[in-house]
C-alpha cells in the first residue's frame, strides 16, 4: 500500500475499513469519536467560565460537590 500516492480521503477510507475489520464497527466508531477534533475555542470558553473564580473558590465548590 503506497500511502504517498493516496489522497486523504483514500487514506481515511482504508483506515476505517481496517479498523472495522479488526475491532468491529462499534470499536471503530468509539475509536473515531476519541479522535474527533470537537468544536469551539477551549481556551476562550475556559476563561469565560473561570474568570470570576479564584483557586480557593474552585476548591470550595469541588468540596461541596463531593
C-alpha atoms as a PDB file:
ATOM      1  CA  UNK A   1       0.000   0.000   0.000  1.00  0.00           C
ATOM      2  CA  UNK A   2       1.586   3.256  -1.132  1.00  0.00           C
ATOM      3  CA  UNK A   3       0.172   5.912   1.183  1.00  0.00           C
ATOM      4  CA  UNK A   4       2.246   8.576  -0.558  1.00  0.00           C
ATOM      5  CA  UNK A   5       0.088   8.266  -3.676  1.00  0.00           C
ATOM      6  CA  UNK A   6      -3.236   8.005  -1.828  1.00  0.00           C
ATOM      7  CA  UNK A   7      -5.500  11.001  -1.290  1.00  0.00           C
ATOM      8  CA  UNK A   8      -6.532  11.992   2.231  1.00  0.00           C
ATOM      9  CA  UNK A   9      -9.970  10.519   1.531  1.00  0.00           C
ATOM     10  CA  UNK A  10      -8.473   7.203   0.387  1.00  0.00           C
ATOM     11  CA  UNK A  11      -6.283   7.008   3.494  1.00  0.00           C
ATOM     12  CA  UNK A  12      -9.279   7.720   5.729  1.00  0.00           C
ATOM     13  CA  UNK A  13     -11.460   5.152   3.947  1.00  0.00           C
ATOM     14  CA  UNK A  14      -8.742   2.493   4.138  1.00  0.00           C
ATOM     15  CA  UNK A  15      -8.227   3.216   7.830  1.00  0.00           C
ATOM     16  CA  UNK A  16     -11.955   2.895   8.522  1.00  0.00           C
ATOM     17  CA  UNK A  17     -12.074  -0.425   6.685  1.00  0.00           C
ATOM     18  CA  UNK A  18      -9.059  -1.784   8.598  1.00  0.00           C
ATOM     19  CA  UNK A  19     -10.439  -0.653  11.949  1.00  0.00           C
ATOM     20  CA  UNK A  20     -13.829  -2.154  11.167  1.00  0.00           C
ATOM     21  CA  UNK A  21     -12.271  -5.488  10.187  1.00  0.00           C
ATOM     22  CA  UNK A  22     -10.023  -5.720  13.251  1.00  0.00           C
ATOM     23  CA  UNK A  23     -12.083  -4.230  16.090  1.00  0.00           C
ATOM     24  CA  UNK A  24     -15.611  -4.284  14.689  1.00  0.00           C
ATOM     25  CA  UNK A  25     -17.962  -1.475  13.793  1.00  0.00           C
ATOM     26  CA  UNK A  26     -18.657  -0.426  17.391  1.00  0.00           C
ATOM     27  CA  UNK A  27     -14.953  -0.357  18.235  1.00  0.00           C
ATOM     28  CA  UNK A  28     -14.249   1.636  15.086  1.00  0.00           C
ATOM     29  CA  UNK A  29     -16.907   4.203  15.979  1.00  0.00           C
ATOM     30  CA  UNK A  30     -15.597   4.507  19.553  1.00  0.00           C
ATOM     31  CA  UNK A  31     -12.058   4.996  18.231  1.00  0.00           C
ATOM     32  CA  UNK A  32     -13.145   7.687  15.782  1.00  0.00           C
ATOM     33  CA  UNK A  33     -15.104   9.501  18.497  1.00  0.00           C
ATOM     34  CA  UNK A  34     -11.976   9.678  20.662  1.00  0.00           C
ATOM     35  CA  UNK A  35     -10.121  11.418  17.855  1.00  0.00           C
ATOM     36  CA  UNK A  36     -12.822  13.907  16.962  1.00  0.00           C
ATOM     37  CA  UNK A  37     -11.478  17.454  16.953  1.00  0.00           C
ATOM     38  CA  UNK A  38     -14.623  18.799  18.545  1.00  0.00           C
ATOM     39  CA  UNK A  39     -15.651  22.393  18.174  1.00  0.00           C
ATOM     40  CA  UNK A  40     -15.324  25.774  19.824  1.00  0.00           C
ATOM     41  CA  UNK A  41     -12.401  27.522  21.461  1.00  0.00           C
ATOM     42  CA  UNK A  42     -11.435  25.721  24.683  1.00  0.00           C
ATOM     43  CA  UNK A  43      -9.169  28.497  25.958  1.00  0.00           C
ATOM     44  CA  UNK A  44     -11.734  31.250  25.385  1.00  0.00           C
ATOM     45  CA  UNK A  45     -14.558  29.150  26.895  1.00  0.00           C
ATOM     46  CA  UNK A  46     -12.432  28.232  29.932  1.00  0.00           C
ATOM     47  CA  UNK A  47     -11.525  31.858  30.558  1.00  0.00           C
ATOM     48  CA  UNK A  48     -15.160  32.969  30.397  1.00  0.00           C
ATOM     49  CA  UNK A  49     -16.273  30.186  32.766  1.00  0.00           C
ATOM     50  CA  UNK A  50     -13.488  30.673  35.301  1.00  0.00           C
ATOM     51  CA  UNK A  51     -12.890  34.425  35.019  1.00  0.00           C
ATOM     52  CA  UNK A  52     -14.528  35.278  38.343  1.00  0.00           C
ATOM     53  CA  UNK A  53     -13.290  32.308  40.347  1.00  0.00           C
ATOM     54  CA  UNK A  54     -10.145  32.083  42.413  1.00  0.00           C
ATOM     55  CA  UNK A  55      -8.429  28.777  43.107  1.00  0.00           C
ATOM     56  CA  UNK A  56      -9.816  28.860  46.638  1.00  0.00           C
ATOM     57  CA  UNK A  57     -13.373  29.345  45.357  1.00  0.00           C
ATOM     58  CA  UNK A  58     -12.979  26.482  42.927  1.00  0.00           C
ATOM     59  CA  UNK A  59     -11.673  24.186  45.694  1.00  0.00           C
ATOM     60  CA  UNK A  60     -14.679  25.064  47.877  1.00  0.00           C
ATOM     61  CA  UNK A  61     -17.087  24.305  45.009  1.00  0.00           C
ATOM     62  CA  UNK A  62     -15.404  20.960  44.408  1.00  0.00           C
ATOM     63  CA  UNK A  63     -15.505  20.059  48.104  1.00  0.00           C
ATOM     64  CA  UNK A  64     -19.190  20.972  48.309  1.00  0.00           C
ATOM     65  CA  UNK A  65     -19.932  18.781  45.307  1.00  0.00           C
ATOM     66  CA  UNK A  66     -18.195  15.723  46.769  1.00  0.00           C
END
